[in-house]
Amino acid sequence: MAAQITADDAQRLLRTVGAELTVLRDALRERGAKYFMRPLAMSGVMVFTSYYYVYAPPLAKAKGVAEELATAKATSQYAEEYQNLQSRLSGLYTRLPRTQDPQGWILNEVRKTLREENIVPLSISPPSDMAKGEYRFITIEVQCQGNYSQVASWISRLERNPALLFVHTLNLRKDAQPIGSNSVDVKITTVVPVGGVE
């Protein structure tokens, strides 16, 4: 139950505080400030000692613990992101073609997918090889004709390949002749490590 302070209680408290202040003022006048210097100095030393030896060390420790906790949280968050990226990279690494002749491999794979979709290529460029850091990006360009379902099925087959094979660019144009035919220009790329896959 909350205590209620009435107006009389407040006036009595103010009179008491006023009386104490009056006694203090009278004592200072009567005895002088020098009389109270020693107790005031001792009080100051006690306050200083209490702050630096009792209050400040736990405060500094609590601040250090809070900083360590924030660091641990950030580390935990970034560790989880790192693990996710690492597992994605590992998944991609397992899909890199295991071959000593990646240029011949990509050429054979693309020809095989074209045959499986009954598409006759108009032209297939020689593979180009470009190194970026620790990896080689091998690309070939294919020009062919087919109807929409053939082209869509072929692109899907390329990108579903168990080894990493992806469509880099795709240009599709509707042909006037024969009816229902489309011309397709595709750049297809694979990636292999510079030193080969172990």
N, C-alpha and C. Protein backbone atom coordinates (compact mmCIF):
# COMPACT_ATOMS: atom_id res chain seq x y z
N MET A 1 0.85 -1.18 0.00
CA MET A 1 0.00 0.00 0.00
C MET A 1 0.89 1.24 0.00
N ALA A 2 0.66 2.17 -0.92
CA ALA A 2 1.50 3.36 -1.06
C ALA A 2 1.23 4.33 0.07
N ALA A 3 2.31 4.92 0.61
CA ALA A 3 2.16 5.90 1.69
C ALA A 3 1.71 7.22 1.09
N GLN A 4 0.78 7.87 1.77
CA GLN A 4 0.29 9.16 1.29
C GLN A 4 0.84 10.26 2.18
N ILE A 5 1.35 11.32 1.53
CA ILE A 5 1.91 12.45 2.27
C ILE A 5 0.89 13.58 2.24
N THR A 6 0.51 14.01 3.38
CA THR A 6 -0.47 15.10 3.46
C THR A 6 0.27 16.44 3.46
N ALA A 7 -0.48 17.51 3.35
CA ALA A 7 0.12 18.85 3.36
C ALA A 7 0.81 19.13 4.69
N ASP A 8 0.23 18.63 5.81
CA ASP A 8 0.86 18.84 7.12
C ASP A 8 2.20 18.12 7.20
N ASP A 9 2.25 16.86 6.63
CA ASP A 9 3.52 16.12 6.63
C ASP A 9 4.58 16.85 5.84
N ALA A 10 4.18 17.41 4.69
CA ALA A 10 5.14 18.13 3.85
C ALA A 10 5.67 19.36 4.56
N GLN A 11 4.79 20.09 5.26
CA GLN A 11 5.23 21.28 5.98
C GLN A 11 6.17 20.92 7.13
N ARG A 12 5.85 19.82 7.83
CA ARG A 12 6.70 19.37 8.93
C ARG A 12 8.08 18.98 8.40
N LEU A 13 8.13 18.29 7.25
CA LEU A 13 9.41 17.89 6.65
C LEU A 13 10.22 19.12 6.25
N LEU A 14 9.56 20.11 5.65
CA LEU A 14 10.25 21.34 5.26
C LEU A 14 10.80 22.07 6.49
N ARG A 15 10.02 22.09 7.59
CA ARG A 15 10.49 22.74 8.82
C ARG A 15 11.72 22.02 9.37
N THR A 16 11.70 20.68 9.32
CA THR A 16 12.83 19.89 9.83
C THR A 16 14.08 20.16 9.01
N VAL A 17 13.94 20.13 7.65
CA VAL A 17 15.09 20.41 6.79
C VAL A 17 15.59 21.82 7.03
N GLY A 18 14.70 22.77 7.15
CA GLY A 18 15.08 24.16 7.41
C GLY A 18 15.83 24.29 8.72
N ALA A 19 15.36 23.57 9.77
CA ALA A 19 16.02 23.63 11.08
C ALA A 19 17.44 23.05 10.99
N GLU A 20 17.60 21.93 10.26
CA GLU A 20 18.93 21.33 10.11
C GLU A 20 19.87 22.28 9.36
N LEU A 21 19.37 22.92 8.33
CA LEU A 21 20.20 23.87 7.59
C LEU A 21 20.58 25.06 8.46
N THR A 22 19.68 25.48 9.31
CA THR A 22 19.96 26.61 10.22
C THR A 22 21.06 26.21 11.20
N VAL A 23 20.97 25.02 11.76
CA VAL A 23 21.99 24.54 12.72
C VAL A 23 23.33 24.47 12.01
N LEU A 24 23.36 23.96 10.78
CA LEU A 24 24.61 23.87 10.02
C LEU A 24 25.18 25.26 9.76
N ARG A 25 24.35 26.19 9.38
CA ARG A 25 24.82 27.55 9.11
C ARG A 25 25.38 28.20 10.38
N ASP A 26 24.66 28.00 11.47
CA ASP A 26 25.12 28.59 12.75
C ASP A 26 26.45 27.98 13.19
N ALA A 27 26.60 26.65 12.99
CA ALA A 27 27.86 25.98 13.38
C ALA A 27 29.01 26.50 12.54
N LEU A 28 28.78 26.72 11.25
CA LEU A 28 29.83 27.26 10.39
C LEU A 28 30.21 28.67 10.82
N ARG A 29 29.24 29.49 11.20
CA ARG A 29 29.53 30.86 11.63
C ARG A 29 30.30 30.86 12.95
N GLU A 30 29.85 29.99 13.85
CA GLU A 30 30.42 29.96 15.19
C GLU A 30 31.83 29.40 15.21
N ARG A 31 32.06 28.31 14.52
CA ARG A 31 33.35 27.64 14.60
C ARG A 31 34.26 27.95 13.41
N GLY A 32 33.72 28.40 12.33
CA GLY A 32 34.53 28.73 11.15
C GLY A 32 34.70 27.53 10.23
N ALA A 33 35.07 27.82 9.00
CA ALA A 33 35.18 26.76 7.99
C ALA A 33 36.34 25.83 8.29
N LYS A 34 37.41 26.37 8.96
CA LYS A 34 38.59 25.53 9.22
C LYS A 34 38.25 24.36 10.14
N TYR A 35 37.31 24.53 11.00
CA TYR A 35 36.93 23.49 11.93
C TYR A 35 36.39 22.25 11.20
N PHE A 36 35.72 22.50 10.09
CA PHE A 36 35.10 21.41 9.34
C PHE A 36 35.96 20.89 8.19
N MET A 37 37.16 21.45 8.03
CA MET A 37 38.01 21.05 6.90
C MET A 37 38.42 19.58 6.99
N ARG A 38 38.81 19.15 8.17
CA ARG A 38 39.27 17.77 8.30
C ARG A 38 38.14 16.77 8.01
N PRO A 39 36.95 16.91 8.63
CA PRO A 39 35.87 15.96 8.29
C PRO A 39 35.49 16.02 6.82
N LEU A 40 35.49 17.25 6.26
CA LEU A 40 35.14 17.37 4.82
C LEU A 40 36.19 16.70 3.95
N ALA A 41 37.48 16.85 4.31
CA ALA A 41 38.55 16.21 3.53
C ALA A 41 38.44 14.70 3.64
N MET A 42 38.18 14.21 4.87
CA MET A 42 38.03 12.77 5.05
C MET A 42 36.82 12.24 4.27
N SER A 43 35.76 13.01 4.27
CA SER A 43 34.57 12.60 3.50
C SER A 43 34.88 12.55 2.02
N GLY A 44 35.63 13.55 1.53
CA GLY A 44 36.02 13.57 0.12
C GLY A 44 36.87 12.38 -0.26
N VAL A 45 37.86 12.07 0.66
CA VAL A 45 38.73 10.91 0.42
C VAL A 45 37.90 9.63 0.39
N MET A 46 36.93 9.51 1.30
CA MET A 46 36.08 8.32 1.34
C MET A 46 35.23 8.19 0.07
N VAL A 47 34.70 9.32 -0.38
CA VAL A 47 33.90 9.30 -1.61
C VAL A 47 34.79 8.90 -2.79
N PHE A 48 35.97 9.51 -2.87
CA PHE A 48 36.91 9.19 -3.96
C PHE A 48 37.30 7.71 -3.92
N THR A 49 37.66 7.22 -2.72
CA THR A 49 38.06 5.82 -2.56
C THR A 49 36.91 4.88 -2.91
N SER A 50 35.72 5.21 -2.43
CA SER A 50 34.55 4.36 -2.72
C SER A 50 34.30 4.30 -4.22
N TYR A 51 34.42 5.44 -4.90
CA TYR A 51 34.15 5.46 -6.35
C TYR A 51 35.18 4.62 -7.10
N TYR A 52 36.49 4.88 -6.84
CA TYR A 52 37.54 4.23 -7.63
C TYR A 52 37.81 2.78 -7.24
N TYR A 53 37.51 2.42 -5.97
CA TYR A 53 37.83 1.06 -5.56
C TYR A 53 36.60 0.16 -5.35
N VAL A 54 35.44 0.77 -5.23
CA VAL A 54 34.23 -0.04 -5.03
C VAL A 54 33.30 0.03 -6.25
N TYR A 55 33.05 1.24 -6.74
CA TYR A 55 32.07 1.42 -7.81
C TYR A 55 32.68 1.26 -9.21
N ALA A 56 33.85 1.85 -9.47
CA ALA A 56 34.43 1.86 -10.82
C ALA A 56 34.85 0.48 -11.33
N PRO A 57 35.53 -0.38 -10.54
CA PRO A 57 35.96 -1.68 -11.10
C PRO A 57 34.80 -2.55 -11.61
N PRO A 58 33.69 -2.73 -10.84
CA PRO A 58 32.59 -3.52 -11.41
C PRO A 58 31.98 -2.88 -12.65
N LEU A 59 31.96 -1.52 -12.67
CA LEU A 59 31.42 -0.83 -13.83
C LEU A 59 32.28 -1.09 -15.06
N ALA A 60 33.61 -1.01 -14.90
CA ALA A 60 34.53 -1.28 -16.02
C ALA A 60 34.41 -2.74 -16.46
N LYS A 61 34.28 -3.64 -15.47
CA LYS A 61 34.14 -5.07 -15.80
C LYS A 61 32.84 -5.31 -16.56
N ALA A 62 31.76 -4.69 -16.11
CA ALA A 62 30.47 -4.85 -16.79
C ALA A 62 30.55 -4.32 -18.21
N LYS A 63 31.26 -3.20 -18.40
CA LYS A 63 31.42 -2.65 -19.75
C LYS A 63 32.22 -3.60 -20.63
N GLY A 64 33.30 -4.18 -20.06
CA GLY A 64 34.11 -5.15 -20.81
C GLY A 64 33.30 -6.38 -21.20
N VAL A 65 32.47 -6.86 -20.25
CA VAL A 65 31.63 -8.03 -20.53
C VAL A 65 30.62 -7.70 -21.62
N ALA A 66 30.05 -6.50 -21.58
CA ALA A 66 29.08 -6.10 -22.62
C ALA A 66 29.75 -6.05 -23.99
N GLU A 67 31.00 -5.53 -24.05
CA GLU A 67 31.72 -5.48 -25.32
C GLU A 67 32.05 -6.88 -25.83
N GLU A 68 32.47 -7.76 -24.91
CA GLU A 68 32.75 -9.15 -25.30
C GLU A 68 31.50 -9.85 -25.81
N LEU A 69 30.37 -9.57 -25.16
CA LEU A 69 29.10 -10.16 -25.58
C LEU A 69 28.72 -9.68 -26.98
N ALA A 70 28.88 -8.37 -27.23
CA ALA A 70 28.58 -7.83 -28.57
C ALA A 70 29.51 -8.45 -29.62
N THR A 71 30.79 -8.60 -29.26
CA THR A 71 31.74 -9.24 -30.19
C THR A 71 31.35 -10.68 -30.47
N ALA A 72 30.96 -11.40 -29.42
CA ALA A 72 30.56 -12.80 -29.58
C ALA A 72 29.32 -12.92 -30.46
N LYS A 73 28.37 -12.00 -30.27
CA LYS A 73 27.16 -12.02 -31.11
C LYS A 73 27.51 -11.79 -32.57
N ALA A 74 28.36 -10.77 -32.84
CA ALA A 74 28.76 -10.47 -34.22
C ALA A 74 29.51 -11.65 -34.82
N THR A 75 30.42 -12.24 -34.02
CA THR A 75 31.19 -13.39 -34.52
C THR A 75 30.27 -14.54 -34.85
N SER A 76 29.30 -14.78 -33.98
CA SER A 76 28.34 -15.87 -34.20
C SER A 76 27.55 -15.64 -35.49
N GLN A 77 27.10 -14.40 -35.69
CA GLN A 77 26.31 -14.08 -36.89
C GLN A 77 27.16 -14.29 -38.15
N TYR A 78 28.39 -13.74 -38.14
CA TYR A 78 29.24 -13.86 -39.32
C TYR A 78 29.71 -15.29 -39.54
N ALA A 79 29.89 -16.03 -38.44
CA ALA A 79 30.29 -17.43 -38.57
C ALA A 79 29.20 -18.22 -39.28
N GLU A 80 27.94 -17.93 -38.93
CA GLU A 80 26.83 -18.63 -39.58
C GLU A 80 26.76 -18.27 -41.07
N GLU A 81 26.93 -16.99 -41.39
CA GLU A 81 26.93 -16.57 -42.80
C GLU A 81 28.10 -17.22 -43.55
N TYR A 82 29.26 -17.28 -42.89
CA TYR A 82 30.44 -17.90 -43.51
C TYR A 82 30.17 -19.37 -43.79
N GLN A 83 29.57 -20.07 -42.80
CA GLN A 83 29.27 -21.49 -42.98
C GLN A 83 28.30 -21.70 -44.15
N ASN A 84 27.29 -20.82 -44.26
CA ASN A 84 26.33 -20.94 -45.37
C ASN A 84 27.03 -20.75 -46.71
N LEU A 85 27.87 -19.72 -46.80
CA LEU A 85 28.59 -19.47 -48.05
C LEU A 85 29.55 -20.61 -48.36
N GLN A 86 30.22 -21.12 -47.31
CA GLN A 86 31.17 -22.21 -47.49
C GLN A 86 30.47 -23.46 -48.02
N SER A 87 29.27 -23.75 -47.47
CA SER A 87 28.55 -24.95 -47.93
C SER A 87 28.06 -24.76 -49.36
N ARG A 88 27.66 -23.52 -49.72
CA ARG A 88 27.24 -23.27 -51.10
C ARG A 88 28.42 -23.43 -52.06
N LEU A 89 29.58 -22.90 -51.65
CA LEU A 89 30.77 -23.04 -52.49
C LEU A 89 31.19 -24.49 -52.62
N SER A 90 31.09 -25.23 -51.53
CA SER A 90 31.44 -26.65 -51.58
C SER A 90 30.52 -27.40 -52.53
N GLY A 91 29.21 -27.03 -52.49
CA GLY A 91 28.25 -27.65 -53.41
C GLY A 91 28.59 -27.36 -54.85
N LEU A 92 28.98 -26.12 -55.12
CA LEU A 92 29.36 -25.76 -56.50
C LEU A 92 30.66 -26.44 -56.89
N TYR A 93 31.59 -26.54 -55.95
CA TYR A 93 32.89 -27.14 -56.27
C TYR A 93 32.72 -28.61 -56.68
N THR A 94 31.78 -29.30 -56.04
CA THR A 94 31.56 -30.71 -56.40
C THR A 94 30.97 -30.85 -57.79
N ARG A 95 30.39 -29.76 -58.33
CA ARG A 95 29.80 -29.83 -59.67
C ARG A 95 30.79 -29.44 -60.77
N LEU A 96 32.00 -29.06 -60.42
CA LEU A 96 32.97 -28.70 -61.45
C LEU A 96 33.34 -29.95 -62.25
N PRO A 97 33.49 -29.82 -63.57
CA PRO A 97 33.80 -31.00 -64.39
C PRO A 97 35.15 -31.62 -64.02
N ARG A 98 35.14 -32.94 -63.84
CA ARG A 98 36.38 -33.68 -63.54
C ARG A 98 36.99 -34.14 -64.86
N THR A 99 37.83 -33.32 -65.43
CA THR A 99 38.42 -33.65 -66.72
C THR A 99 39.76 -32.96 -66.86
N GLN A 100 40.65 -33.59 -67.61
CA GLN A 100 41.94 -32.97 -67.92
C GLN A 100 41.85 -32.13 -69.18
N ASP A 101 40.73 -32.26 -69.92
CA ASP A 101 40.53 -31.51 -71.17
C ASP A 101 39.18 -30.80 -71.12
N PRO A 102 39.08 -29.71 -70.34
CA PRO A 102 37.79 -29.05 -70.19
C PRO A 102 37.23 -28.48 -71.49
N GLN A 103 38.10 -28.05 -72.40
CA GLN A 103 37.61 -27.51 -73.68
C GLN A 103 36.93 -28.61 -74.50
N GLY A 104 37.57 -29.77 -74.58
CA GLY A 104 36.95 -30.90 -75.28
C GLY A 104 35.69 -31.37 -74.57
N TRP A 105 35.72 -31.32 -73.23
CA TRP A 105 34.57 -31.76 -72.46
C TRP A 105 33.34 -30.91 -72.74
N ILE A 106 33.50 -29.56 -72.70
CA ILE A 106 32.33 -28.69 -72.91
C ILE A 106 31.79 -28.86 -74.33
N LEU A 107 32.67 -29.01 -75.30
CA LEU A 107 32.24 -29.21 -76.69
C LEU A 107 31.42 -30.50 -76.82
N ASN A 108 31.90 -31.59 -76.23
CA ASN A 108 31.18 -32.86 -76.29
C ASN A 108 29.84 -32.80 -75.55
N GLU A 109 29.82 -32.14 -74.39
CA GLU A 109 28.57 -32.04 -73.62
C GLU A 109 27.51 -31.25 -74.38
N VAL A 110 27.92 -30.13 -75.00
CA VAL A 110 26.95 -29.31 -75.74
C VAL A 110 26.43 -30.09 -76.95
N ARG A 111 27.30 -30.74 -77.68
CA ARG A 111 26.86 -31.54 -78.82
C ARG A 111 25.89 -32.64 -78.39
N LYS A 112 26.18 -33.28 -77.26
CA LYS A 112 25.31 -34.36 -76.76
C LYS A 112 23.91 -33.82 -76.44
N THR A 113 23.84 -32.65 -75.77
CA THR A 113 22.53 -32.08 -75.42
C THR A 113 21.76 -31.68 -76.68
N LEU A 114 22.46 -31.17 -77.69
CA LEU A 114 21.79 -30.82 -78.96
C LEU A 114 21.20 -32.07 -79.60
N ARG A 115 21.96 -33.15 -79.64
CA ARG A 115 21.47 -34.41 -80.23
C ARG A 115 20.25 -34.92 -79.47
N GLU A 116 20.29 -34.82 -78.13
CA GLU A 116 19.17 -35.31 -77.33
C GLU A 116 17.89 -34.54 -77.58
N GLU A 117 18.00 -33.30 -78.04
CA GLU A 117 16.82 -32.49 -78.35
C GLU A 117 16.54 -32.43 -79.86
N ASN A 118 17.27 -33.20 -80.64
CA ASN A 118 17.10 -33.21 -82.11
C ASN A 118 17.27 -31.82 -82.72
N ILE A 119 18.26 -31.11 -82.24
CA ILE A 119 18.58 -29.78 -82.79
C ILE A 119 19.89 -29.90 -83.54
N VAL A 120 19.88 -29.43 -84.79
CA VAL A 120 21.11 -29.43 -85.60
C VAL A 120 21.72 -28.04 -85.50
N PRO A 121 22.94 -27.93 -84.98
CA PRO A 121 23.55 -26.59 -84.84
C PRO A 121 23.94 -26.02 -86.20
N LEU A 122 23.79 -24.71 -86.34
CA LEU A 122 24.26 -24.02 -87.54
C LEU A 122 25.77 -23.78 -87.42
N SER A 123 26.22 -23.48 -86.20
CA SER A 123 27.66 -23.31 -85.97
C SER A 123 27.97 -23.45 -84.49
N ILE A 124 29.16 -23.94 -84.22
CA ILE A 124 29.68 -24.02 -82.83
C ILE A 124 31.10 -23.46 -82.87
N SER A 125 31.33 -22.45 -82.04
CA SER A 125 32.66 -21.81 -82.03
C SER A 125 33.66 -22.67 -81.27
N PRO A 126 34.95 -22.48 -81.54
CA PRO A 126 35.95 -23.14 -80.70
C PRO A 126 35.87 -22.57 -79.28
N PRO A 127 36.14 -23.37 -78.26
CA PRO A 127 36.06 -22.87 -76.88
C PRO A 127 37.08 -21.76 -76.62
N SER A 128 36.63 -20.72 -75.92
CA SER A 128 37.54 -19.67 -75.48
C SER A 128 37.83 -19.91 -74.00
N ASP A 129 39.04 -19.59 -73.59
CA ASP A 129 39.50 -19.90 -72.24
C ASP A 129 39.98 -18.61 -71.59
N MET A 130 39.38 -18.23 -70.44
CA MET A 130 39.79 -17.00 -69.76
C MET A 130 40.02 -17.31 -68.28
N ALA A 131 41.21 -17.00 -67.79
CA ALA A 131 41.54 -17.24 -66.38
C ALA A 131 41.16 -16.02 -65.55
N LYS A 132 40.50 -16.29 -64.40
CA LYS A 132 40.19 -15.23 -63.42
C LYS A 132 40.57 -15.77 -62.06
N GLY A 133 41.66 -15.28 -61.53
CA GLY A 133 42.12 -15.75 -60.23
C GLY A 133 42.51 -17.22 -60.31
N GLU A 134 41.87 -18.04 -59.49
CA GLU A 134 42.20 -19.46 -59.42
C GLU A 134 41.37 -20.31 -60.37
N TYR A 135 40.52 -19.68 -61.19
CA TYR A 135 39.61 -20.45 -62.04
C TYR A 135 39.74 -20.07 -63.51
N ARG A 136 39.40 -21.04 -64.36
CA ARG A 136 39.33 -20.83 -65.81
C ARG A 136 37.87 -20.89 -66.23
N PHE A 137 37.44 -19.90 -66.99
CA PHE A 137 36.08 -19.85 -67.52
C PHE A 137 36.15 -20.20 -69.00
N ILE A 138 35.56 -21.33 -69.35
CA ILE A 138 35.62 -21.82 -70.73
C ILE A 138 34.25 -21.65 -71.35
N THR A 139 34.21 -20.94 -72.47
CA THR A 139 32.93 -20.57 -73.11
C THR A 139 32.93 -20.97 -74.57
N ILE A 140 31.77 -21.47 -75.03
CA ILE A 140 31.58 -21.69 -76.47
C ILE A 140 30.29 -20.99 -76.89
N GLU A 141 30.23 -20.63 -78.16
CA GLU A 141 29.03 -20.00 -78.71
C GLU A 141 28.39 -20.96 -79.70
N VAL A 142 27.07 -21.10 -79.58
CA VAL A 142 26.32 -22.01 -80.45
C VAL A 142 25.24 -21.22 -81.15
N GLN A 143 25.12 -21.43 -82.47
CA GLN A 143 24.00 -20.89 -83.25
C GLN A 143 23.20 -22.07 -83.76
N CYS A 144 21.89 -22.03 -83.54
CA CYS A 144 21.05 -23.13 -84.00
C CYS A 144 19.63 -22.63 -84.25
N GLN A 145 18.79 -23.52 -84.80
CA GLN A 145 17.38 -23.23 -85.05
C GLN A 145 16.54 -24.29 -84.40
N GLY A 146 15.36 -23.89 -83.92
CA GLY A 146 14.43 -24.85 -83.34
C GLY A 146 13.15 -24.17 -82.95
N ASN A 147 12.12 -24.97 -82.66
CA ASN A 147 10.88 -24.36 -82.18
C ASN A 147 11.02 -24.05 -80.68
N TYR A 148 10.03 -23.35 -80.15
CA TYR A 148 10.13 -22.91 -78.75
C TYR A 148 10.35 -24.07 -77.79
N SER A 149 9.58 -25.14 -77.93
CA SER A 149 9.69 -26.24 -76.98
C SER A 149 11.06 -26.91 -77.06
N GLN A 150 11.62 -27.04 -78.28
CA GLN A 150 12.96 -27.62 -78.41
C GLN A 150 14.00 -26.74 -77.71
N VAL A 151 13.92 -25.45 -77.98
CA VAL A 151 14.90 -24.51 -77.40
C VAL A 151 14.80 -24.50 -75.88
N ALA A 152 13.55 -24.42 -75.36
CA ALA A 152 13.37 -24.39 -73.91
C ALA A 152 13.88 -25.68 -73.27
N SER A 153 13.57 -26.82 -73.88
CA SER A 153 14.02 -28.10 -73.34
C SER A 153 15.55 -28.21 -73.38
N TRP A 154 16.17 -27.70 -74.45
CA TRP A 154 17.63 -27.74 -74.57
C TRP A 154 18.31 -26.90 -73.49
N ILE A 155 17.80 -25.67 -73.31
CA ILE A 155 18.37 -24.77 -72.28
C ILE A 155 18.23 -25.42 -70.90
N SER A 156 17.05 -25.99 -70.64
CA SER A 156 16.83 -26.65 -69.35
C SER A 156 17.80 -27.81 -69.17
N ARG A 157 18.02 -28.58 -70.22
CA ARG A 157 18.93 -29.72 -70.16
C ARG A 157 20.37 -29.26 -69.88
N LEU A 158 20.76 -28.16 -70.52
CA LEU A 158 22.10 -27.62 -70.28
C LEU A 158 22.30 -27.27 -68.80
N GLU A 159 21.34 -26.56 -68.26
CA GLU A 159 21.51 -26.06 -66.89
C GLU A 159 21.24 -27.13 -65.83
N ARG A 160 20.65 -28.26 -66.22
CA ARG A 160 20.45 -29.38 -65.28
C ARG A 160 21.62 -30.34 -65.31
N ASN A 161 22.60 -30.06 -66.12
CA ASN A 161 23.75 -30.96 -66.26
C ASN A 161 24.39 -31.21 -64.90
N PRO A 162 24.73 -32.46 -64.57
CA PRO A 162 25.35 -32.75 -63.26
C PRO A 162 26.64 -31.97 -63.04
N ALA A 163 27.42 -31.76 -64.09
CA ALA A 163 28.62 -30.92 -63.97
C ALA A 163 28.21 -29.49 -64.29
N LEU A 164 28.94 -28.55 -63.71
CA LEU A 164 28.57 -27.14 -63.84
C LEU A 164 28.67 -26.66 -65.28
N LEU A 165 27.51 -26.32 -65.83
CA LEU A 165 27.40 -25.84 -67.21
C LEU A 165 26.27 -24.83 -67.18
N PHE A 166 26.52 -23.59 -67.56
CA PHE A 166 25.43 -22.62 -67.48
C PHE A 166 25.39 -21.73 -68.71
N VAL A 167 24.18 -21.22 -68.97
CA VAL A 167 23.97 -20.35 -70.12
C VAL A 167 24.39 -18.94 -69.71
N HIS A 168 25.39 -18.45 -70.41
CA HIS A 168 25.93 -17.11 -70.11
C HIS A 168 25.05 -16.04 -70.74
N THR A 169 24.75 -16.18 -72.03
CA THR A 169 23.82 -15.27 -72.72
C THR A 169 22.96 -16.07 -73.68
N LEU A 170 21.79 -15.53 -73.98
CA LEU A 170 20.85 -16.20 -74.90
C LEU A 170 20.13 -15.14 -75.71
N ASN A 171 20.19 -15.25 -77.03
CA ASN A 171 19.44 -14.37 -77.93
C ASN A 171 18.53 -15.25 -78.78
N LEU A 172 17.24 -14.93 -78.79
CA LEU A 172 16.26 -15.71 -79.54
C LEU A 172 15.54 -14.79 -80.52
N ARG A 173 15.50 -15.21 -81.80
CA ARG A 173 14.81 -14.42 -82.83
C ARG A 173 13.81 -15.31 -83.56
N LYS A 174 12.65 -14.78 -83.86
CA LYS A 174 11.64 -15.52 -84.62
C LYS A 174 12.03 -15.49 -86.09
N ASP A 175 12.02 -16.67 -86.73
CA ASP A 175 12.35 -16.77 -88.15
C ASP A 175 11.08 -16.69 -88.99
N ALA A 176 11.20 -16.05 -90.17
CA ALA A 176 10.07 -16.03 -91.10
C ALA A 176 9.86 -17.41 -91.73
N GLN A 177 10.94 -18.06 -92.03
CA GLN A 177 10.89 -19.41 -92.65
C GLN A 177 11.88 -20.32 -91.93
N PRO A 178 11.57 -21.54 -91.72
CA PRO A 178 10.25 -22.16 -91.81
C PRO A 178 9.36 -21.69 -90.66
N ILE A 179 8.06 -21.80 -90.82
CA ILE A 179 7.09 -21.33 -89.83
C ILE A 179 7.32 -22.08 -88.51
N GLY A 180 7.30 -21.32 -87.41
CA GLY A 180 7.48 -21.91 -86.08
C GLY A 180 8.92 -22.07 -85.66
N SER A 181 9.86 -21.68 -86.54
CA SER A 181 11.28 -21.84 -86.22
C SER A 181 11.84 -20.56 -85.62
N ASN A 182 12.85 -20.74 -84.79
CA ASN A 182 13.52 -19.62 -84.13
C ASN A 182 15.03 -19.78 -84.26
N SER A 183 15.71 -18.66 -84.44
CA SER A 183 17.17 -18.68 -84.44
C SER A 183 17.64 -18.36 -83.03
N VAL A 184 18.62 -19.12 -82.58
CA VAL A 184 19.11 -18.97 -81.21
C VAL A 184 20.62 -18.82 -81.23
N ASP A 185 21.12 -17.79 -80.53
CA ASP A 185 22.55 -17.62 -80.29
C ASP A 185 22.77 -17.76 -78.78
N VAL A 186 23.59 -18.72 -78.40
CA VAL A 186 23.80 -19.00 -76.98
C VAL A 186 25.28 -19.05 -76.66
N LYS A 187 25.65 -18.43 -75.53
CA LYS A 187 27.00 -18.60 -74.98
C LYS A 187 26.88 -19.50 -73.77
N ILE A 188 27.64 -20.59 -73.78
CA ILE A 188 27.58 -21.58 -72.71
C ILE A 188 28.95 -21.63 -72.04
N THR A 189 28.95 -21.61 -70.70
CA THR A 189 30.21 -21.52 -69.94
C THR A 189 30.30 -22.62 -68.91
N THR A 190 31.51 -23.07 -68.67
CA THR A 190 31.81 -23.94 -67.53
C THR A 190 33.02 -23.36 -66.80
N VAL A 191 33.26 -23.83 -65.60
CA VAL A 191 34.35 -23.30 -64.77
C VAL A 191 35.18 -24.48 -64.26
N VAL A 192 36.50 -24.32 -64.35
CA VAL A 192 37.41 -25.33 -63.79
C VAL A 192 38.53 -24.61 -63.05
N PRO A 193 39.07 -25.22 -61.99
CA PRO A 193 40.23 -24.61 -61.34
C PRO A 193 41.43 -24.57 -62.27
N VAL A 194 42.29 -23.61 -62.08
CA VAL A 194 43.47 -23.46 -62.94
C VAL A 194 44.32 -24.72 -62.90
N GLY A 195 44.46 -25.33 -61.74
CA GLY A 195 45.30 -26.52 -61.64
C GLY A 195 44.54 -27.82 -61.85
N GLY A 196 43.25 -27.76 -62.21
CA GLY A 196 42.43 -28.96 -62.35
C GLY A 196 41.73 -29.31 -61.06
N VAL A 197 40.64 -30.10 -61.17
CA VAL A 197 39.86 -30.49 -59.99
C VAL A 197 40.50 -31.70 -59.33
N GLU A 198 40.68 -31.64 -58.00
CA GLU A 198 41.28 -32.78 -57.30
C GLU A 198 40.21 -33.80 -56.95
